[in-house]
Each structure stands twice: as structure tokens, then as C-alpha cells.
């Protein structure tokens, strides 16, 4: 699979990044809060894409039971 990394300036002047597949599906992005500089966005993208966080703890939230959902 081939992917593309795009670092771009947003309309608000902050920077973001996006990793897309050949079919233009977004695989990962760093756009929610934005970055102050292009360099910060590029470094963040490279850390995620390059595996800097590959040793991160992997967790899964349990699926709520039907009873717990109805109690809310």
C-alpha cells in the first residue's frame, strides 16, 4: 500500500497534516488543534508515520452493555 503525507496551512493560519491512501482515504491526521509552524506539523507527522509512537500502550474501551446504555 502506498500512502501520501500532506502538510498544509489551514485557513486560520495554523498548520496541519494528513496521511492518505492511494484512494484518498484519510489514514491519520494532525489537524484538530493545529500547529504553530510548518516544522512542528512536519515533525508530528513524521513521528506518527515513522513509528515514534509504536511502543505506545494499546487500550480498548469495553463495549457498553445494553443495560448500562439504558441506565443513562
PDB file of N, CA and C in Angstrom:
ATOM      1  N   UNK A   1       0.840  -1.180   0.000  1.00  0.00           N
ATOM      2  CA  UNK A   1       0.000   0.000   0.000  1.00  0.00           C
ATOM      3  C   UNK A   1       0.883   1.241   0.000  1.00  0.00           C
ATOM      4  N   UNK A   2       0.510   2.168  -0.816  1.00  0.00           N
ATOM      5  CA  UNK A   2       1.226   3.428  -0.896  1.00  0.00           C
ATOM      6  C   UNK A   2       0.396   4.504  -0.206  1.00  0.00           C
ATOM      7  N   UNK A   3       1.067   5.404   0.493  1.00  0.00           N
ATOM      8  CA  UNK A   3       0.367   6.484   1.190  1.00  0.00           C
ATOM      9  C   UNK A   3       1.091   7.795   0.919  1.00  0.00           C
ATOM     10  N   UNK A   4       0.352   8.889   1.121  1.00  0.00           N
ATOM     11  CA  UNK A   4       0.930  10.222   0.921  1.00  0.00           C
ATOM     12  C   UNK A   4       0.750  11.056   2.182  1.00  0.00           C
ATOM     13  N   UNK A   5       1.780  11.800   2.544  1.00  0.00           N
ATOM     14  CA  UNK A   5       1.706  12.726   3.665  1.00  0.00           C
ATOM     15  C   UNK A   5       1.605  14.135   3.110  1.00  0.00           C
ATOM     16  N   UNK A   6       0.632  14.881   3.604  1.00  0.00           N
ATOM     17  CA  UNK A   6       0.442  16.266   3.186  1.00  0.00           C
ATOM     18  C   UNK A   6       0.530  17.152   4.421  1.00  0.00           C
ATOM     19  N   UNK A   7       1.413  18.132   4.399  1.00  0.00           N
ATOM     20  CA  UNK A   7       1.497  19.159   5.438  1.00  0.00           C
ATOM     21  C   UNK A   7       0.979  20.433   4.803  1.00  0.00           C
ATOM     22  N   UNK A   8       0.029  21.102   5.468  1.00  0.00           N
ATOM     23  CA  UNK A   8      -0.611  22.254   4.836  1.00  0.00           C
ATOM     24  C   UNK A   8      -0.965  23.332   5.860  1.00  0.00           C
ATOM     25  N   UNK A   9      -1.088  24.558   5.354  1.00  0.00           N
ATOM     26  CA  UNK A   9      -1.519  25.670   6.184  1.00  0.00           C
ATOM     27  C   UNK A   9      -3.038  25.765   6.108  1.00  0.00           C
ATOM     28  N   UNK A  10      -3.664  25.819   7.277  1.00  0.00           N
ATOM     29  CA  UNK A  10      -5.113  25.897   7.339  1.00  0.00           C
ATOM     30  C   UNK A  10      -5.577  27.338   7.136  1.00  0.00           C
ATOM     31  N   UNK A  11      -6.864  27.516   6.967  1.00  0.00           N
ATOM     32  CA  UNK A  11      -7.435  28.852   6.750  1.00  0.00           C
ATOM     33  C   UNK A  11      -7.205  29.770   7.946  1.00  0.00           C
ATOM     34  N   UNK A  12      -7.073  29.197   9.153  1.00  0.00           N
ATOM     35  CA  UNK A  12      -6.863  30.010  10.349  1.00  0.00           C
ATOM     36  C   UNK A  12      -5.395  30.343  10.605  1.00  0.00           C
ATOM     37  N   UNK A  13      -4.514  29.950   9.666  1.00  0.00           N
ATOM     38  CA  UNK A  13      -3.092  30.262   9.789  1.00  0.00           C
ATOM     39  C   UNK A  13      -2.291  29.225  10.545  1.00  0.00           C
ATOM     40  N   UNK A  14      -2.950  28.212  11.120  1.00  0.00           N
ATOM     41  CA  UNK A  14      -2.239  27.139  11.806  1.00  0.00           C
ATOM     42  C   UNK A  14      -1.930  26.049  10.776  1.00  0.00           C
ATOM     43  N   UNK A  15      -1.107  25.083  11.162  1.00  0.00           N
ATOM     44  CA  UNK A  15      -0.666  24.037  10.254  1.00  0.00           C
ATOM     45  C   UNK A  15      -1.241  22.687  10.660  1.00  0.00           C
ATOM     46  N   UNK A  16      -1.502  21.851   9.679  1.00  0.00           N
ATOM     47  CA  UNK A  16      -1.993  20.502   9.921  1.00  0.00           C
ATOM     48  C   UNK A  16      -1.300  19.518   9.000  1.00  0.00           C
ATOM     49  N   UNK A  17      -1.563  18.248   9.222  1.00  0.00           N
ATOM     50  CA  UNK A  17      -1.027  17.218   8.334  1.00  0.00           C
ATOM     51  C   UNK A  17      -2.062  16.109   8.179  1.00  0.00           C
ATOM     52  N   UNK A  18      -1.916  15.372   7.086  1.00  0.00           N
ATOM     53  CA  UNK A  18      -2.844  14.293   6.789  1.00  0.00           C
ATOM     54  C   UNK A  18      -2.086  13.203   6.035  1.00  0.00           C
ATOM     55  N   UNK A  19      -2.356  11.961   6.388  1.00  0.00           N
ATOM     56  CA  UNK A  19      -1.816  10.805   5.683  1.00  0.00           C
ATOM     57  C   UNK A  19      -2.981  10.149   4.962  1.00  0.00           C
ATOM     58  N   UNK A  20      -2.877  10.021   3.635  1.00  0.00           N
ATOM     59  CA  UNK A  20      -3.973   9.455   2.847  1.00  0.00           C
ATOM     60  C   UNK A  20      -3.493   8.242   2.055  1.00  0.00           C
ATOM     61  N   UNK A  21      -4.439   7.365   1.764  1.00  0.00           N
ATOM     62  CA  UNK A  21      -4.151   6.184   0.952  1.00  0.00           C
ATOM     63  C   UNK A  21      -4.204   6.570  -0.523  1.00  0.00           C
ATOM     64  N   UNK A  22      -3.912   5.606  -1.387  1.00  0.00           N
ATOM     65  CA  UNK A  22      -3.994   5.838  -2.832  1.00  0.00           C
ATOM     66  C   UNK A  22      -5.415   6.206  -3.248  1.00  0.00           C
ATOM     67  N   UNK A  23      -6.400   5.746  -2.473  1.00  0.00           N
ATOM     68  CA  UNK A  23      -7.812   6.020  -2.768  1.00  0.00           C
ATOM     69  C   UNK A  23      -8.290   7.303  -2.075  1.00  0.00           C
ATOM     70  N   UNK A  24      -7.356   8.085  -1.547  1.00  0.00           N
ATOM     71  CA  UNK A  24      -7.636   9.340  -0.836  1.00  0.00           C
ATOM     72  C   UNK A  24      -8.427   9.160   0.453  1.00  0.00           C
ATOM     73  N   UNK A  25      -8.349   7.994   1.065  1.00  0.00           N
ATOM     74  CA  UNK A  25      -8.939   7.793   2.381  1.00  0.00           C
ATOM     75  C   UNK A  25      -7.959   8.332   3.421  1.00  0.00           C
ATOM     76  N   UNK A  26      -8.465   9.067   4.400  1.00  0.00           N
ATOM     77  CA  UNK A  26      -7.603   9.607   5.454  1.00  0.00           C
ATOM     78  C   UNK A  26      -7.257   8.476   6.414  1.00  0.00           C
ATOM     79  N   UNK A  27      -5.967   8.201   6.545  1.00  0.00           N
ATOM     80  CA  UNK A  27      -5.490   7.149   7.427  1.00  0.00           C
ATOM     81  C   UNK A  27      -5.122   7.711   8.794  1.00  0.00           C
ATOM     82  N   UNK A  28      -4.628   8.932   8.816  1.00  0.00           N
ATOM     83  CA  UNK A  28      -4.246   9.599  10.065  1.00  0.00           C
ATOM     84  C   UNK A  28      -4.168  11.093   9.783  1.00  0.00           C
ATOM     85  N   UNK A  29      -4.375  11.887  10.835  1.00  0.00           N
ATOM     86  CA  UNK A  29      -4.260  13.331  10.642  1.00  0.00           C
ATOM     87  C   UNK A  29      -3.890  14.008  11.947  1.00  0.00           C
ATOM     88  N   UNK A  30      -3.331  15.173  11.824  1.00  0.00           N
ATOM     89  CA  UNK A  30      -2.989  16.002  12.967  1.00  0.00           C
ATOM     90  C   UNK A  30      -3.529  17.386  12.709  1.00  0.00           C
ATOM     91  N   UNK A  31      -4.839  17.509  12.717  1.00  0.00           N
ATOM     92  CA  UNK A  31      -5.444  18.782  12.352  1.00  0.00           C
ATOM     93  C   UNK A  31      -6.382  19.349  13.402  1.00  0.00           C
ATOM     94  N   UNK A  32      -6.699  18.581  14.437  1.00  0.00           N
ATOM     95  CA  UNK A  32      -7.736  19.034  15.362  1.00  0.00           C
ATOM     96  C   UNK A  32      -7.398  20.362  16.040  1.00  0.00           C
ATOM     97  N   UNK A  33      -6.204  20.493  16.578  1.00  0.00           N
ATOM     98  CA  UNK A  33      -5.833  21.766  17.202  1.00  0.00           C
ATOM     99  C   UNK A  33      -4.880  22.582  16.347  1.00  0.00           C
ATOM    100  N   UNK A  34      -4.230  21.959  15.406  1.00  0.00           N
ATOM    101  CA  UNK A  34      -3.293  22.659  14.541  1.00  0.00           C
ATOM    102  C   UNK A  34      -1.953  22.895  15.223  1.00  0.00           C
ATOM    103  N   UNK A  35      -0.987  23.271  14.439  1.00  0.00           N
ATOM    104  CA  UNK A  35       0.371  23.528  14.918  1.00  0.00           C
ATOM    105  C   UNK A  35       0.751  24.952  14.560  1.00  0.00           C
ATOM    106  N   UNK A  36       1.612  25.543  15.365  1.00  0.00           N
ATOM    107  CA  UNK A  36       2.013  26.933  15.137  1.00  0.00           C
ATOM    108  C   UNK A  36       2.851  27.105  13.882  1.00  0.00           C
ATOM    109  N   UNK A  37       3.680  26.109  13.572  1.00  0.00           N
ATOM    110  CA  UNK A  37       4.587  26.236  12.435  1.00  0.00           C
ATOM    111  C   UNK A  37       4.516  24.993  11.537  1.00  0.00           C
ATOM    112  N   UNK A  38       4.951  25.174  10.308  1.00  0.00           N
ATOM    113  CA  UNK A  38       5.032  24.053   9.380  1.00  0.00           C
ATOM    114  C   UNK A  38       5.975  22.988   9.925  1.00  0.00           C
ATOM    115  N   UNK A  39       7.071  23.416  10.515  1.00  0.00           N
ATOM    116  CA  UNK A  39       8.053  22.474  11.055  1.00  0.00           C
ATOM    117  C   UNK A  39       7.433  21.597  12.142  1.00  0.00           C
ATOM    118  N   UNK A  40       6.643  22.187  13.046  1.00  0.00           N
ATOM    119  CA  UNK A  40       6.000  21.404  14.105  1.00  0.00           C
ATOM    120  C   UNK A  40       5.048  20.368  13.521  1.00  0.00           C
ATOM    121  N   UNK A  41       4.286  20.749  12.506  1.00  0.00           N
ATOM    122  CA  UNK A  41       3.360  19.819  11.862  1.00  0.00           C
ATOM    123  C   UNK A  41       4.128  18.691  11.182  1.00  0.00           C
ATOM    124  N   UNK A  42       5.208  19.031  10.514  1.00  0.00           N
ATOM    125  CA  UNK A  42       6.013  18.028   9.812  1.00  0.00           C
ATOM    126  C   UNK A  42       6.631  17.045  10.801  1.00  0.00           C
ATOM    127  N   UNK A  43       7.166  17.549  11.912  1.00  0.00           N
ATOM    128  CA  UNK A  43       7.782  16.676  12.921  1.00  0.00           C
ATOM    129  C   UNK A  43       6.739  15.741  13.520  1.00  0.00           C
ATOM    130  N   UNK A  44       5.562  16.287  13.850  1.00  0.00           N
ATOM    131  CA  UNK A  44       4.499  15.454  14.424  1.00  0.00           C
ATOM    132  C   UNK A  44       4.086  14.356  13.456  1.00  0.00           C
ATOM    133  N   UNK A  45       3.910  14.701  12.202  1.00  0.00           N
ATOM    134  CA  UNK A  45       3.526  13.708  11.193  1.00  0.00           C
ATOM    135  C   UNK A  45       4.600  12.629  11.070  1.00  0.00           C
ATOM    136  N   UNK A  46       5.846  13.038  11.007  1.00  0.00           N
ATOM    137  CA  UNK A  46       6.930  12.072  10.855  1.00  0.00           C
ATOM    138  C   UNK A  46       7.044  11.154  12.074  1.00  0.00           C
ATOM    139  N   UNK A  47       6.767  11.678  13.282  1.00  0.00           N
ATOM    140  CA  UNK A  47       6.821  10.837  14.479  1.00  0.00           C
ATOM    141  C   UNK A  47       5.728   9.776  14.453  1.00  0.00           C
ATOM    142  N   UNK A  48       4.549  10.154  14.039  1.00  0.00           N
ATOM    143  CA  UNK A  48       3.453   9.192  13.971  1.00  0.00           C
ATOM    144  C   UNK A  48       3.677   8.198  12.839  1.00  0.00           C
ATOM    145  N   UNK A  49       3.947   8.702  11.659  1.00  0.00           N
ATOM    146  CA  UNK A  49       4.116   7.841  10.493  1.00  0.00           C
ATOM    147  C   UNK A  49       5.362   6.974  10.608  1.00  0.00           C
ATOM    148  N   UNK A  50       6.430   7.532  11.161  1.00  0.00           N
ATOM    149  CA  UNK A  50       7.688   6.810  11.256  1.00  0.00           C
ATOM    150  C   UNK A  50       7.763   5.809  12.382  1.00  0.00           C
ATOM    151  N   UNK A  51       6.719   5.743  13.189  1.00  0.00           N
ATOM    152  CA  UNK A  51       6.711   4.740  14.236  1.00  0.00           C
ATOM    153  C   UNK A  51       7.257   5.212  15.573  1.00  0.00           C
ATOM    154  N   UNK A  52       7.454   6.510  15.756  1.00  0.00           N
ATOM    155  CA  UNK A  52       7.969   7.028  17.019  1.00  0.00           C
ATOM    156  C   UNK A  52       7.095   6.575  18.189  1.00  0.00           C
ATOM    157  N   UNK A  53       5.795   6.456  17.942  1.00  0.00           N
ATOM    158  CA  UNK A  53       4.871   6.059  18.996  1.00  0.00           C
ATOM    159  C   UNK A  53       4.464   4.598  18.908  1.00  0.00           C
ATOM    160  N   UNK A  54       5.228   3.784  18.212  1.00  0.00           N
ATOM    161  CA  UNK A  54       4.854   2.383  18.032  1.00  0.00           C
ATOM    162  C   UNK A  54       4.834   1.610  19.342  1.00  0.00           C
ATOM    163  N   UNK A  55       5.551   2.073  20.348  1.00  0.00           N
ATOM    164  CA  UNK A  55       5.583   1.379  21.633  1.00  0.00           C
ATOM    165  C   UNK A  55       4.489   1.879  22.584  1.00  0.00           C
ATOM    166  N   UNK A  56       3.598   2.719  22.086  1.00  0.00           N
ATOM    167  CA  UNK A  56       2.534   3.257  22.940  1.00  0.00           C
ATOM    168  C   UNK A  56       1.656   2.136  23.481  1.00  0.00           C
ATOM    169  N   UNK A  57       1.145   2.348  24.679  1.00  0.00           N
ATOM    170  CA  UNK A  57       0.222   1.394  25.272  1.00  0.00           C
ATOM    171  C   UNK A  57      -1.037   1.341  24.424  1.00  0.00           C
ATOM    172  N   UNK A  58      -1.459   0.147  24.122  1.00  0.00           N
ATOM    173  CA  UNK A  58      -2.650  -0.036  23.299  1.00  0.00           C
ATOM    174  C   UNK A  58      -3.792  -0.453  24.202  1.00  0.00           C
ATOM    175  N   UNK A  59      -4.867   0.304  24.152  1.00  0.00           N
ATOM    176  CA  UNK A  59      -6.016   0.034  25.001  1.00  0.00           C
ATOM    177  C   UNK A  59      -7.272  -0.021  24.155  1.00  0.00           C
ATOM    178  N   UNK A  60      -8.241  -0.730  24.673  1.00  0.00           N
ATOM    179  CA  UNK A  60      -9.543  -0.810  24.013  1.00  0.00           C
ATOM    180  C   UNK A  60     -10.607  -0.569  25.063  1.00  0.00           C
ATOM    181  N   UNK A  61     -11.491   0.356  24.781  1.00  0.00           N
ATOM    182  CA  UNK A  61     -12.591   0.614  25.697  1.00  0.00           C
ATOM    183  C   UNK A  61     -13.609  -0.499  25.523  1.00  0.00           C
ATOM    184  N   UNK A  62     -14.077  -1.093  26.645  1.00  0.00           N
ATOM    185  CA  UNK A  62     -15.085  -2.150  26.530  1.00  0.00           C
ATOM    186  C   UNK A  62     -16.362  -1.600  25.907  1.00  0.00           C
ATOM    187  N   UNK A  63     -17.041  -2.450  25.161  1.00  0.00           N
ATOM    188  CA  UNK A  63     -18.313  -2.077  24.585  1.00  0.00           C
ATOM    189  C   UNK A  63     -19.338  -2.018  25.711  1.00  0.00           C
ATOM    190  N   UNK A  64     -20.087  -0.918  25.805  1.00  0.00           N
ATOM    191  CA  UNK A  64     -21.081  -0.840  26.882  1.00  0.00           C
ATOM    192  C   UNK A  64     -22.154  -1.908  26.704  1.00  0.00           C
ATOM    193  N   UNK A  65     -22.632  -2.431  27.814  1.00  0.00           N
ATOM    194  CA  UNK A  65     -23.708  -3.427  27.741  1.00  0.00           C
ATOM    195  C   UNK A  65     -25.017  -2.690  27.486  1.00  0.00           C
ATOM    196  N   UNK A  66     -25.986  -3.419  27.021  1.00  0.00           N
ATOM    197  CA  UNK A  66     -27.301  -2.818  26.749  1.00  0.00           C
ATOM    198  C   UNK A  66     -27.904  -2.266  28.026  1.00  0.00           C
ATOM    199  N   UNK A  67     -27.696  -2.941  29.155  1.00  0.00           N
ATOM    200  CA  UNK A  67     -28.243  -2.468  30.433  1.00  0.00           C
ATOM    201  C   UNK A  67     -27.617  -1.132  30.825  1.00  0.00           C
ATOM    202  N   UNK A  68     -26.313  -1.000  30.649  1.00  0.00           N
ATOM    203  CA  UNK A  68     -25.632   0.244  31.011  1.00  0.00           C
ATOM    204  C   UNK A  68     -26.096   1.379  30.109  1.00  0.00           C
ATOM    205  N   UNK A  69     -26.365   1.093  28.842  1.00  0.00           N
ATOM    206  CA  UNK A  69     -26.820   2.114  27.910  1.00  0.00           C
ATOM    207  C   UNK A  69     -28.205   2.621  28.290  1.00  0.00           C
ATOM    208  N   UNK A  70     -29.065   1.736  28.725  1.00  0.00           N
ATOM    209  CA  UNK A  70     -30.431   2.110  29.072  1.00  0.00           C
ATOM    210  C   UNK A  70     -30.479   2.857  30.394  1.00  0.00           C
ATOM    211  N   UNK A  71     -29.506   2.627  31.269  1.00  0.00           N
ATOM    212  CA  UNK A  71     -29.482   3.288  32.572  1.00  0.00           C
ATOM    213  C   UNK A  71     -29.122   4.753  32.447  1.00  0.00           C
ATOM    214  N   UNK A  72     -28.477   5.143  31.354  1.00  0.00           N
ATOM    215  CA  UNK A  72     -28.031   6.529  31.180  1.00  0.00           C
ATOM    216  C   UNK A  72     -29.134   7.463  30.858  1.00  0.00           C
TER     217      UNK A  72
END
